[in-house]
Amino acid sequence: MRVTVAFLFLMISKIAIAGSLDVANSAFDKGDFDLARNLYTELANQGDRLSQFKLGVMYEEGKGVTK
């Protein structure tokens, strides 16, 4: 039972991150760099590697961040 509950929690967490990542990617594509940065930062702090990478790209390109 414990394993099942832990598995369900893990899956729900992954789904929530994936949804937020889609919103962040959409914001980035639309040029809403402030929103994208905020979402990527939140996800990156949760350990999402793709968000960490995308946030790094934003800093490198100076999009939504101060140089």
N, C-alpha and C. Protein backbone atom coordinates (compact mmCIF):
# COMPACT_ATOMS: atom_id res chain seq x y z
N MET A 1 0.82 -1.20 0.00
CA MET A 1 0.00 0.00 0.00
C MET A 1 0.86 1.26 0.00
N ARG A 2 1.91 1.27 0.83
CA ARG A 2 2.79 2.43 0.89
C ARG A 2 3.46 2.71 -0.45
N VAL A 3 3.87 1.65 -1.11
CA VAL A 3 4.53 1.80 -2.41
C VAL A 3 3.56 2.41 -3.42
N THR A 4 2.32 1.98 -3.39
CA THR A 4 1.32 2.50 -4.31
C THR A 4 1.08 3.98 -4.08
N VAL A 5 0.97 4.38 -2.83
CA VAL A 5 0.75 5.80 -2.51
C VAL A 5 1.95 6.63 -2.94
N ALA A 6 3.16 6.14 -2.67
CA ALA A 6 4.36 6.87 -3.07
C ALA A 6 4.44 6.99 -4.59
N PHE A 7 4.10 5.93 -5.30
CA PHE A 7 4.11 5.94 -6.76
C PHE A 7 3.11 6.95 -7.30
N LEU A 8 1.91 6.96 -6.75
CA LEU A 8 0.89 7.91 -7.19
C LEU A 8 1.32 9.34 -6.94
N PHE A 9 1.91 9.60 -5.80
CA PHE A 9 2.39 10.95 -5.49
C PHE A 9 3.47 11.37 -6.49
N LEU A 10 4.37 10.47 -6.80
CA LEU A 10 5.44 10.76 -7.76
C LEU A 10 4.86 11.07 -9.14
N MET A 11 3.89 10.31 -9.57
CA MET A 11 3.29 10.51 -10.89
C MET A 11 2.53 11.84 -10.95
N ILE A 12 1.81 12.17 -9.89
CA ILE A 12 1.08 13.44 -9.86
C ILE A 12 2.05 14.60 -9.90
N SER A 13 3.17 14.49 -9.19
CA SER A 13 4.18 15.55 -9.21
C SER A 13 4.75 15.74 -10.61
N LYS A 14 5.03 14.65 -11.30
CA LYS A 14 5.57 14.72 -12.66
C LYS A 14 4.58 15.36 -13.62
N ILE A 15 3.30 15.04 -13.47
CA ILE A 15 2.27 15.62 -14.33
C ILE A 15 2.18 17.13 -14.10
N ALA A 16 2.24 17.55 -12.84
CA ALA A 16 2.17 18.98 -12.52
C ALA A 16 3.35 19.72 -13.11
N ILE A 17 4.54 19.14 -13.01
CA ILE A 17 5.73 19.78 -13.57
C ILE A 17 5.62 19.86 -15.09
N ALA A 18 5.15 18.79 -15.72
CA ALA A 18 5.02 18.79 -17.17
C ALA A 18 4.06 19.87 -17.63
N GLY A 19 2.94 20.04 -16.92
CA GLY A 19 1.98 21.07 -17.28
C GLY A 19 2.56 22.46 -17.15
N SER A 20 3.28 22.71 -16.07
CA SER A 20 3.90 24.01 -15.86
C SER A 20 4.99 24.27 -16.90
N LEU A 21 5.71 23.22 -17.27
CA LEU A 21 6.75 23.36 -18.28
C LEU A 21 6.14 23.74 -19.62
N ASP A 22 5.00 23.16 -19.95
CA ASP A 22 4.31 23.52 -21.19
C ASP A 22 3.91 25.00 -21.18
N VAL A 23 3.42 25.47 -20.04
CA VAL A 23 3.04 26.88 -19.92
C VAL A 23 4.27 27.77 -20.06
N ALA A 24 5.37 27.38 -19.42
CA ALA A 24 6.62 28.16 -19.50
C ALA A 24 7.12 28.21 -20.94
N ASN A 25 7.11 27.07 -21.63
CA ASN A 25 7.56 27.03 -23.02
C ASN A 25 6.68 27.90 -23.91
N SER A 26 5.39 27.86 -23.67
CA SER A 26 4.46 28.67 -24.45
C SER A 26 4.72 30.16 -24.21
N ALA A 27 4.93 30.53 -22.95
CA ALA A 27 5.22 31.93 -22.63
C ALA A 27 6.50 32.37 -23.32
N PHE A 28 7.52 31.52 -23.30
CA PHE A 28 8.79 31.85 -23.96
C PHE A 28 8.58 32.05 -25.45
N ASP A 29 7.85 31.14 -26.07
CA ASP A 29 7.60 31.23 -27.51
C ASP A 29 6.83 32.49 -27.89
N LYS A 30 5.96 32.96 -27.00
CA LYS A 30 5.16 34.16 -27.25
C LYS A 30 5.91 35.44 -26.89
N GLY A 31 7.11 35.30 -26.34
CA GLY A 31 7.90 36.48 -25.97
C GLY A 31 7.59 37.02 -24.59
N ASP A 32 6.82 36.30 -23.78
CA ASP A 32 6.54 36.71 -22.41
C ASP A 32 7.65 36.15 -21.52
N PHE A 33 8.82 36.79 -21.61
CA PHE A 33 10.01 36.26 -20.96
C PHE A 33 9.96 36.36 -19.44
N ASP A 34 9.26 37.36 -18.90
CA ASP A 34 9.14 37.46 -17.44
C ASP A 34 8.39 36.26 -16.88
N LEU A 35 7.27 35.92 -17.49
CA LEU A 35 6.50 34.76 -17.03
C LEU A 35 7.30 33.48 -17.22
N ALA A 36 7.93 33.34 -18.37
CA ALA A 36 8.73 32.14 -18.64
C ALA A 36 9.85 32.00 -17.61
N ARG A 37 10.54 33.10 -17.33
CA ARG A 37 11.63 33.07 -16.35
C ARG A 37 11.11 32.64 -14.98
N ASN A 38 9.99 33.21 -14.56
CA ASN A 38 9.44 32.86 -13.25
C ASN A 38 9.07 31.38 -13.18
N LEU A 39 8.44 30.87 -14.22
CA LEU A 39 8.04 29.47 -14.22
C LEU A 39 9.25 28.54 -14.31
N TYR A 40 10.20 28.87 -15.18
CA TYR A 40 11.41 28.06 -15.29
C TYR A 40 12.17 28.05 -13.97
N THR A 41 12.24 29.19 -13.30
CA THR A 41 12.96 29.27 -12.04
C THR A 41 12.30 28.38 -10.99
N GLU A 42 10.98 28.44 -10.91
CA GLU A 42 10.25 27.60 -9.95
C GLU A 42 10.50 26.13 -10.23
N LEU A 43 10.41 25.74 -11.49
CA LEU A 43 10.63 24.34 -11.85
C LEU A 43 12.09 23.93 -11.66
N ALA A 44 13.01 24.82 -12.00
CA ALA A 44 14.43 24.52 -11.82
C ALA A 44 14.76 24.29 -10.35
N ASN A 45 14.15 25.06 -9.47
CA ASN A 45 14.37 24.88 -8.04
C ASN A 45 13.81 23.56 -7.53
N GLN A 46 12.88 22.99 -8.27
CA GLN A 46 12.32 21.68 -7.93
C GLN A 46 13.14 20.55 -8.54
N GLY A 47 14.20 20.91 -9.27
CA GLY A 47 15.10 19.91 -9.83
C GLY A 47 14.83 19.53 -11.27
N ASP A 48 13.95 20.25 -11.96
CA ASP A 48 13.64 19.92 -13.35
C ASP A 48 14.81 20.35 -14.24
N ARG A 49 15.46 19.37 -14.85
CA ARG A 49 16.67 19.64 -15.64
C ARG A 49 16.40 20.48 -16.89
N LEU A 50 15.32 20.21 -17.57
CA LEU A 50 15.02 20.97 -18.79
C LEU A 50 14.79 22.45 -18.44
N SER A 51 14.10 22.69 -17.34
CA SER A 51 13.87 24.07 -16.92
C SER A 51 15.19 24.75 -16.53
N GLN A 52 16.08 24.01 -15.91
CA GLN A 52 17.40 24.56 -15.58
C GLN A 52 18.13 24.96 -16.85
N PHE A 53 18.06 24.10 -17.86
CA PHE A 53 18.71 24.39 -19.13
C PHE A 53 18.08 25.62 -19.80
N LYS A 54 16.73 25.63 -19.87
CA LYS A 54 16.05 26.75 -20.53
C LYS A 54 16.33 28.06 -19.81
N LEU A 55 16.40 28.04 -18.50
CA LEU A 55 16.73 29.23 -17.72
C LEU A 55 18.15 29.69 -18.05
N GLY A 56 19.06 28.74 -18.19
CA GLY A 56 20.43 29.08 -18.58
C GLY A 56 20.49 29.72 -19.96
N VAL A 57 19.69 29.22 -20.89
CA VAL A 57 19.62 29.79 -22.23
C VAL A 57 19.10 31.23 -22.15
N MET A 58 18.10 31.45 -21.31
CA MET A 58 17.56 32.81 -21.17
C MET A 58 18.63 33.77 -20.67
N TYR A 59 19.42 33.32 -19.69
CA TYR A 59 20.50 34.17 -19.18
C TYR A 59 21.56 34.41 -20.26
N GLU A 60 21.91 33.36 -20.99
CA GLU A 60 22.92 33.50 -22.04
C GLU A 60 22.48 34.47 -23.12
N GLU A 61 21.19 34.41 -23.49
CA GLU A 61 20.67 35.26 -24.56
C GLU A 61 20.15 36.60 -24.05
N GLY A 62 20.09 36.78 -22.72
CA GLY A 62 19.62 38.03 -22.15
C GLY A 62 18.13 38.25 -22.34
N LYS A 63 17.35 37.20 -22.35
CA LYS A 63 15.90 37.31 -22.54
C LYS A 63 15.21 37.21 -21.19
N GLY A 64 14.58 38.31 -20.78
CA GLY A 64 13.84 38.33 -19.52
C GLY A 64 14.70 38.42 -18.28
N VAL A 65 15.98 38.67 -18.47
CA VAL A 65 16.92 38.77 -17.35
C VAL A 65 17.82 39.98 -17.59
N THR A 66 18.42 40.45 -16.52
CA THR A 66 19.38 41.55 -16.69
C THR A 66 20.74 40.98 -17.05
N LYS A 67 21.41 41.65 -17.94
CA LYS A 67 22.74 41.20 -18.37
C LYS A 67 23.81 41.64 -17.40
